[in-house]
Structures are given as C-alpha cells and as structure tokens.
Amino acid sequence: QEHVVESGGGLVQAGESLRLSCLAYGLSFDEYAMGWFRQAPGKEREGVSCISWSGKTTYYADSVRGRFTVSRDNAKNTLYLQMNNLKPEDTAMYFCAKGTYDFCAPSSWSSTRKYNSWGQGTHVNVSS
C-alpha cells in the first residue's frame, strides 16, 4: 500500500533553517510529481511547492519563493524541502503528497485535488 511519511519538523527561532523529508513507500516514486503543503490552525491547507518527476520543474508559493527549495532523490524515494530564513508565519503542519501526474500543472499545482497519498504531516513551529 502506497504511503508517504514526513519528518524533520521542529521548533526553531525566526531566521533559522529546517529541512523536511518525505519518504515514499509502495509507489513508483519517479513516475509522479510531488508536492508540499502546509496548514496552520484555523486555516485552509495551502500549496507550498511542487516538483516534477525529474526534478527539473519546480513551483513555489509567493510567500516562500526565495527562502524554500524543493528537491528529490528518486534513488532514495525521498522528497525534501529546505526552509531557510524561517518566519513565524511559516508555523504550520507540513504535508507531502503524491501528484496525480508526473508534472506540476502551472495553473493548478497548488490545488489539493491534484494530489493523493497524503502523509500525516510534520509540525514546524517558528518563534519570533
């Protein structure tokens, strides 16, 4: 049964960095785009980033562009999110998910409907 497991969250101060990982099980990891999402208390889940199957195409939310970097290692079935210069507004539960296709749709990559096989999430807490 395919599933993904996130790790790497924690409590950090503003300006510090974290790297999240997402390990995929039971799926052909290199055949799908992968996405990162986050959800803060009382807010809707929002798209953070998407990466195509090859890693050559990436998309970012405006709020994280220039601070976050998504990458993947298909040989290790692992997705990463390097988060630098973290801000208190980045505090949220972070989720990874498998895309429906091998590419990130330019106009809809941030829609949760374009993904399945969601993980349980890893919490990121950034203090000011």
N, C-alpha and C. Protein backbone atom coordinates (compact mmCIF):
# COMPACT_ATOMS: atom_id res chain seq x y z
N GLN A 1 0.85 -1.19 0.00
CA GLN A 1 0.00 0.00 0.00
C GLN A 1 0.89 1.24 0.00
N GLU A 2 0.60 2.14 -0.93
CA GLU A 2 1.46 3.31 -1.02
C GLU A 2 1.14 4.31 0.08
N HIS A 3 2.19 4.90 0.62
CA HIS A 3 2.02 5.97 1.59
C HIS A 3 3.32 6.75 1.70
N VAL A 4 3.23 7.92 2.30
CA VAL A 4 4.39 8.79 2.48
C VAL A 4 4.49 9.19 3.94
N VAL A 5 5.71 9.41 4.39
CA VAL A 5 5.96 9.76 5.78
C VAL A 5 6.88 10.98 5.84
N GLU A 6 6.38 12.05 6.46
CA GLU A 6 7.17 13.26 6.60
C GLU A 6 7.98 13.26 7.90
N SER A 7 9.08 13.96 7.89
CA SER A 7 9.90 14.12 9.09
C SER A 7 10.72 15.39 8.98
N GLY A 8 11.31 15.81 10.09
CA GLY A 8 12.22 16.94 10.06
C GLY A 8 11.69 18.22 10.68
N GLY A 9 10.42 18.22 11.07
CA GLY A 9 9.87 19.41 11.68
C GLY A 9 10.45 19.66 13.07
N GLY A 10 10.13 20.80 13.64
CA GLY A 10 10.60 21.12 14.96
C GLY A 10 10.34 22.56 15.34
N LEU A 11 10.91 22.95 16.45
CA LEU A 11 10.78 24.31 16.97
C LEU A 11 12.09 25.06 16.70
N VAL A 12 11.99 26.17 15.99
CA VAL A 12 13.17 26.98 15.68
C VAL A 12 12.83 28.45 15.89
N GLN A 13 13.86 29.27 15.91
CA GLN A 13 13.66 30.70 16.02
C GLN A 13 13.62 31.32 14.62
N ALA A 14 13.01 32.47 14.54
CA ALA A 14 12.94 33.19 13.27
C ALA A 14 14.36 33.39 12.72
N GLY A 15 14.49 33.17 11.42
CA GLY A 15 15.78 33.31 10.76
C GLY A 15 16.56 32.02 10.63
N GLU A 16 16.16 31.01 11.36
CA GLU A 16 16.85 29.72 11.29
C GLU A 16 16.31 28.87 10.14
N SER A 17 16.89 27.69 10.01
CA SER A 17 16.56 26.80 8.89
C SER A 17 16.11 25.42 9.38
N LEU A 18 15.36 24.76 8.53
CA LEU A 18 14.98 23.36 8.74
C LEU A 18 14.95 22.68 7.38
N ARG A 19 15.18 21.37 7.38
CA ARG A 19 14.99 20.58 6.17
C ARG A 19 14.00 19.47 6.47
N LEU A 20 12.91 19.49 5.73
CA LEU A 20 11.91 18.44 5.84
C LEU A 20 12.20 17.34 4.83
N SER A 21 11.85 16.12 5.22
CA SER A 21 11.99 14.97 4.33
C SER A 21 10.65 14.27 4.21
N CYS A 22 10.47 13.60 3.10
CA CYS A 22 9.25 12.83 2.86
C CYS A 22 9.67 11.54 2.17
N LEU A 23 9.52 10.44 2.86
CA LEU A 23 9.91 9.13 2.32
C LEU A 23 8.67 8.42 1.80
N ALA A 24 8.75 7.96 0.57
CA ALA A 24 7.62 7.31 -0.08
C ALA A 24 7.78 5.80 -0.06
N TYR A 25 6.66 5.13 0.18
CA TYR A 25 6.63 3.68 0.24
C TYR A 25 5.58 3.16 -0.73
N GLY A 26 5.90 2.06 -1.39
CA GLY A 26 4.91 1.34 -2.17
C GLY A 26 4.40 2.03 -3.40
N LEU A 27 5.15 2.98 -3.91
CA LEU A 27 4.73 3.64 -5.14
C LEU A 27 5.93 3.86 -6.04
N SER A 28 5.67 4.03 -7.30
CA SER A 28 6.74 4.30 -8.27
C SER A 28 7.09 5.78 -8.18
N PHE A 29 7.92 6.10 -7.21
CA PHE A 29 8.20 7.49 -6.85
C PHE A 29 8.63 8.32 -8.05
N ASP A 30 9.45 7.76 -8.93
CA ASP A 30 10.00 8.55 -10.03
C ASP A 30 9.02 8.72 -11.19
N GLU A 31 7.78 8.31 -11.01
CA GLU A 31 6.77 8.49 -12.04
C GLU A 31 5.79 9.62 -11.72
N TYR A 32 5.96 10.27 -10.58
CA TYR A 32 4.99 11.26 -10.14
C TYR A 32 5.64 12.55 -9.69
N ALA A 33 4.94 13.64 -9.97
CA ALA A 33 5.30 14.89 -9.31
C ALA A 33 4.94 14.76 -7.83
N MET A 34 5.60 15.57 -7.02
CA MET A 34 5.35 15.56 -5.58
C MET A 34 5.13 16.98 -5.10
N GLY A 35 4.31 17.13 -4.09
CA GLY A 35 4.02 18.46 -3.57
C GLY A 35 4.20 18.56 -2.07
N TRP A 36 4.48 19.77 -1.65
CA TRP A 36 4.48 20.12 -0.23
C TRP A 36 3.33 21.10 0.03
N PHE A 37 2.63 20.86 1.10
CA PHE A 37 1.54 21.72 1.53
C PHE A 37 1.72 22.04 3.00
N ARG A 38 1.01 23.05 3.48
CA ARG A 38 1.04 23.34 4.91
C ARG A 38 -0.34 23.83 5.36
N GLN A 39 -0.60 23.63 6.62
CA GLN A 39 -1.88 24.05 7.17
C GLN A 39 -1.66 24.57 8.59
N ALA A 40 -1.98 25.83 8.76
CA ALA A 40 -1.91 26.47 10.07
C ALA A 40 -3.24 26.32 10.77
N PRO A 41 -3.26 26.38 12.08
CA PRO A 41 -4.53 26.24 12.82
C PRO A 41 -5.58 27.24 12.33
N GLY A 42 -6.76 26.73 12.04
CA GLY A 42 -7.85 27.59 11.63
C GLY A 42 -7.80 28.05 10.19
N LYS A 43 -6.81 27.56 9.44
CA LYS A 43 -6.67 27.99 8.04
C LYS A 43 -6.76 26.79 7.11
N GLU A 44 -6.99 27.07 5.85
CA GLU A 44 -7.05 26.02 4.85
C GLU A 44 -5.64 25.53 4.50
N ARG A 45 -5.59 24.31 4.01
CA ARG A 45 -4.30 23.77 3.55
C ARG A 45 -3.89 24.51 2.29
N GLU A 46 -2.65 24.94 2.25
CA GLU A 46 -2.17 25.71 1.11
C GLU A 46 -0.94 25.05 0.49
N GLY A 47 -0.84 25.19 -0.83
CA GLY A 47 0.31 24.65 -1.54
C GLY A 47 1.56 25.47 -1.27
N VAL A 48 2.65 24.78 -0.98
CA VAL A 48 3.93 25.42 -0.74
C VAL A 48 4.85 25.27 -1.95
N SER A 49 4.90 24.04 -2.50
CA SER A 49 5.80 23.80 -3.61
C SER A 49 5.42 22.52 -4.33
N CYS A 50 5.82 22.44 -5.59
CA CYS A 50 5.63 21.24 -6.38
C CYS A 50 6.90 20.99 -7.17
N ILE A 51 7.23 19.71 -7.37
CA ILE A 51 8.40 19.35 -8.14
C ILE A 51 8.02 18.23 -9.09
N SER A 52 8.42 18.35 -10.34
CA SER A 52 8.10 17.33 -11.34
C SER A 52 8.86 16.04 -11.07
N TRP A 53 8.51 15.00 -11.81
CA TRP A 53 9.11 13.70 -11.55
C TRP A 53 10.63 13.73 -11.68
N SER A 54 11.12 14.53 -12.59
CA SER A 54 12.56 14.58 -12.84
C SER A 54 13.28 15.57 -11.95
N GLY A 55 12.51 16.44 -11.32
CA GLY A 55 13.13 17.49 -10.52
C GLY A 55 13.49 18.73 -11.31
N LYS A 56 13.24 18.71 -12.62
CA LYS A 56 13.66 19.83 -13.46
C LYS A 56 12.70 21.01 -13.38
N THR A 57 11.46 20.77 -13.00
CA THR A 57 10.48 21.85 -12.91
C THR A 57 9.98 21.96 -11.48
N THR A 58 10.01 23.18 -10.97
CA THR A 58 9.54 23.43 -9.61
C THR A 58 8.65 24.67 -9.57
N TYR A 59 7.74 24.70 -8.65
CA TYR A 59 6.87 25.83 -8.41
C TYR A 59 6.84 26.12 -6.90
N TYR A 60 6.65 27.40 -6.59
CA TYR A 60 6.61 27.82 -5.19
C TYR A 60 5.50 28.82 -4.96
N ALA A 61 4.96 28.80 -3.76
CA ALA A 61 4.06 29.85 -3.34
C ALA A 61 4.85 31.15 -3.22
N ASP A 62 4.18 32.25 -3.48
CA ASP A 62 4.86 33.55 -3.40
C ASP A 62 5.45 33.79 -2.02
N SER A 63 4.78 33.29 -1.01
CA SER A 63 5.20 33.56 0.36
C SER A 63 6.50 32.87 0.75
N VAL A 64 6.92 31.86 -0.04
CA VAL A 64 8.14 31.12 0.32
C VAL A 64 9.21 31.20 -0.75
N ARG A 65 8.87 31.73 -1.90
CA ARG A 65 9.84 31.77 -3.01
C ARG A 65 11.08 32.55 -2.58
N GLY A 66 12.23 31.98 -2.85
CA GLY A 66 13.49 32.62 -2.47
C GLY A 66 14.00 32.18 -1.11
N ARG A 67 13.14 31.55 -0.31
CA ARG A 67 13.55 31.06 1.02
C ARG A 67 13.51 29.53 1.09
N PHE A 68 12.57 28.92 0.39
CA PHE A 68 12.41 27.47 0.41
C PHE A 68 12.90 26.87 -0.91
N THR A 69 13.46 25.67 -0.83
CA THR A 69 13.91 24.95 -2.01
C THR A 69 13.45 23.50 -1.93
N VAL A 70 12.73 23.07 -2.96
CA VAL A 70 12.26 21.68 -3.03
C VAL A 70 13.23 20.88 -3.88
N SER A 71 13.44 19.64 -3.51
CA SER A 71 14.30 18.74 -4.29
C SER A 71 13.85 17.32 -4.04
N ARG A 72 14.39 16.40 -4.82
CA ARG A 72 14.03 15.00 -4.67
C ARG A 72 15.21 14.12 -5.05
N ASP A 73 15.24 12.95 -4.45
CA ASP A 73 16.23 11.94 -4.78
C ASP A 73 15.45 10.68 -5.14
N ASN A 74 15.27 10.45 -6.42
CA ASN A 74 14.45 9.33 -6.87
C ASN A 74 15.06 7.98 -6.48
N ALA A 75 16.36 7.92 -6.38
CA ALA A 75 17.01 6.67 -5.99
C ALA A 75 16.69 6.29 -4.54
N LYS A 76 16.35 7.32 -3.74
CA LYS A 76 16.04 7.08 -2.34
C LYS A 76 14.55 7.23 -2.03
N ASN A 77 13.75 7.44 -3.09
CA ASN A 77 12.30 7.62 -2.89
C ASN A 77 12.01 8.72 -1.88
N THR A 78 12.77 9.79 -1.93
CA THR A 78 12.67 10.82 -0.91
C THR A 78 12.53 12.22 -1.52
N LEU A 79 11.64 12.97 -0.94
CA LEU A 79 11.38 14.36 -1.29
C LEU A 79 11.90 15.23 -0.14
N TYR A 80 12.42 16.40 -0.48
CA TYR A 80 12.95 17.30 0.54
C TYR A 80 12.36 18.71 0.39
N LEU A 81 12.38 19.43 1.50
CA LEU A 81 12.05 20.85 1.47
C LEU A 81 13.03 21.57 2.40
N GLN A 82 13.96 22.28 1.79
CA GLN A 82 14.91 23.09 2.57
C GLN A 82 14.27 24.43 2.84
N MET A 83 14.14 24.78 4.11
CA MET A 83 13.47 26.02 4.50
C MET A 83 14.48 26.91 5.22
N ASN A 84 14.79 28.04 4.60
CA ASN A 84 15.74 28.99 5.17
C ASN A 84 15.03 30.27 5.59
N ASN A 85 15.68 31.02 6.46
CA ASN A 85 15.13 32.30 6.92
C ASN A 85 13.66 32.15 7.32
N LEU A 86 13.42 31.20 8.19
CA LEU A 86 12.04 30.92 8.59
C LEU A 86 11.43 32.09 9.35
N LYS A 87 10.15 32.26 9.16
CA LYS A 87 9.39 33.35 9.79
C LYS A 87 8.27 32.76 10.65
N PRO A 88 7.81 33.50 11.64
CA PRO A 88 6.70 32.99 12.47
C PRO A 88 5.48 32.58 11.64
N GLU A 89 5.24 33.27 10.55
CA GLU A 89 4.08 32.93 9.71
C GLU A 89 4.26 31.63 8.95
N ASP A 90 5.44 31.02 9.02
CA ASP A 90 5.66 29.70 8.42
C ASP A 90 5.21 28.58 9.36
N THR A 91 4.84 28.92 10.58
CA THR A 91 4.39 27.92 11.53
C THR A 91 3.14 27.21 11.02
N ALA A 92 3.22 25.89 10.93
CA ALA A 92 2.12 25.09 10.37
C ALA A 92 2.49 23.62 10.43
N MET A 93 1.51 22.78 10.14
CA MET A 93 1.77 21.37 9.87
C MET A 93 2.09 21.26 8.38
N TYR A 94 3.18 20.60 8.08
CA TYR A 94 3.62 20.45 6.70
C TYR A 94 3.37 19.02 6.21
N PHE A 95 2.80 18.94 5.03
CA PHE A 95 2.43 17.64 4.44
C PHE A 95 3.08 17.48 3.07
N CYS A 96 3.43 16.25 2.74
CA CYS A 96 3.80 15.95 1.36
C CYS A 96 2.71 15.05 0.76
N ALA A 97 2.65 15.07 -0.54
CA ALA A 97 1.63 14.28 -1.23
C ALA A 97 2.11 13.93 -2.63
N LYS A 98 1.60 12.83 -3.13
CA LYS A 98 1.94 12.37 -4.47
C LYS A 98 1.02 13.05 -5.48
N GLY A 99 1.60 13.59 -6.54
CA GLY A 99 0.82 14.20 -7.58
C GLY A 99 0.06 13.19 -8.41
N THR A 100 -0.95 13.66 -9.10
CA THR A 100 -1.75 12.79 -9.96
C THR A 100 -0.98 12.41 -11.21
N TYR A 101 -0.15 13.32 -11.68
CA TYR A 101 0.64 13.08 -12.89
C TYR A 101 2.12 13.27 -12.61
N ASP A 102 2.93 13.17 -13.67
CA ASP A 102 4.38 13.31 -13.48
C ASP A 102 4.85 14.75 -13.54
N PHE A 103 3.93 15.66 -13.84
CA PHE A 103 4.30 17.07 -13.95
C PHE A 103 3.47 17.91 -12.98
N CYS A 104 3.94 19.14 -12.76
CA CYS A 104 3.21 20.11 -11.95
C CYS A 104 2.45 21.02 -12.91
N ALA A 105 1.13 21.03 -12.81
CA ALA A 105 0.33 21.88 -13.68
C ALA A 105 0.55 23.34 -13.30
N PRO A 106 0.95 24.17 -14.24
CA PRO A 106 1.29 25.57 -13.91
C PRO A 106 0.17 26.33 -13.22
N SER A 107 -1.06 26.09 -13.62
CA SER A 107 -2.16 26.88 -13.07
C SER A 107 -2.85 26.22 -11.89
N SER A 108 -2.52 24.96 -11.62
CA SER A 108 -3.27 24.28 -10.56
C SER A 108 -2.41 23.41 -9.65
N TRP A 109 -1.09 23.62 -9.68
CA TRP A 109 -0.21 22.76 -8.88
C TRP A 109 -0.50 22.88 -7.39
N SER A 110 -1.07 24.00 -6.96
CA SER A 110 -1.30 24.22 -5.54
C SER A 110 -2.66 23.73 -5.06
N SER A 111 -3.42 23.10 -5.95
CA SER A 111 -4.73 22.57 -5.56
C SER A 111 -4.57 21.21 -4.93
N THR A 112 -5.17 21.02 -3.77
CA THR A 112 -5.08 19.71 -3.10
C THR A 112 -5.71 18.60 -3.94
N ARG A 113 -6.61 18.97 -4.85
CA ARG A 113 -7.28 17.96 -5.67
C ARG A 113 -6.34 17.31 -6.68
N LYS A 114 -5.18 17.89 -6.87
CA LYS A 114 -4.21 17.34 -7.82
C LYS A 114 -3.27 16.34 -7.17
N TYR A 115 -3.56 15.96 -5.93
CA TYR A 115 -2.65 15.09 -5.18
C TYR A 115 -3.43 14.00 -4.46
N ASN A 116 -2.72 12.92 -4.16
CA ASN A 116 -3.29 11.88 -3.31
C ASN A 116 -2.15 11.29 -2.49
N SER A 117 -2.43 10.27 -1.72
CA SER A 117 -1.45 9.63 -0.85
C SER A 117 -0.77 10.66 0.06
N TRP A 118 -1.55 11.29 0.88
CA TRP A 118 -1.05 12.30 1.82
C TRP A 118 -0.42 11.63 3.04
N GLY A 119 0.61 12.31 3.57
CA GLY A 119 1.20 11.85 4.81
C GLY A 119 0.48 12.43 6.01
N GLN A 120 0.96 12.10 7.20
CA GLN A 120 0.36 12.58 8.44
C GLN A 120 0.86 13.96 8.84
N GLY A 121 1.95 14.38 8.22
CA GLY A 121 2.45 15.72 8.47
C GLY A 121 3.55 15.78 9.52
N THR A 122 4.31 16.86 9.45
CA THR A 122 5.33 17.15 10.45
C THR A 122 5.20 18.61 10.82
N HIS A 123 5.27 18.91 12.11
CA HIS A 123 4.96 20.24 12.57
C HIS A 123 6.19 21.13 12.61
N VAL A 124 6.01 22.34 12.10
CA VAL A 124 7.06 23.35 12.13
C VAL A 124 6.55 24.52 12.97
N ASN A 125 7.32 24.90 13.96
CA ASN A 125 6.95 26.00 14.85
C ASN A 125 8.10 27.01 14.88
N VAL A 126 7.82 28.21 14.40
CA VAL A 126 8.86 29.24 14.33
C VAL A 126 8.52 30.33 15.33
N SER A 127 9.40 30.52 16.29
CA SER A 127 9.18 31.55 17.30
C SER A 127 9.86 32.85 16.91
N SER A 128 9.27 33.94 17.34
CA SER A 128 9.81 35.27 16.99
C SER A 128 10.87 35.71 17.99
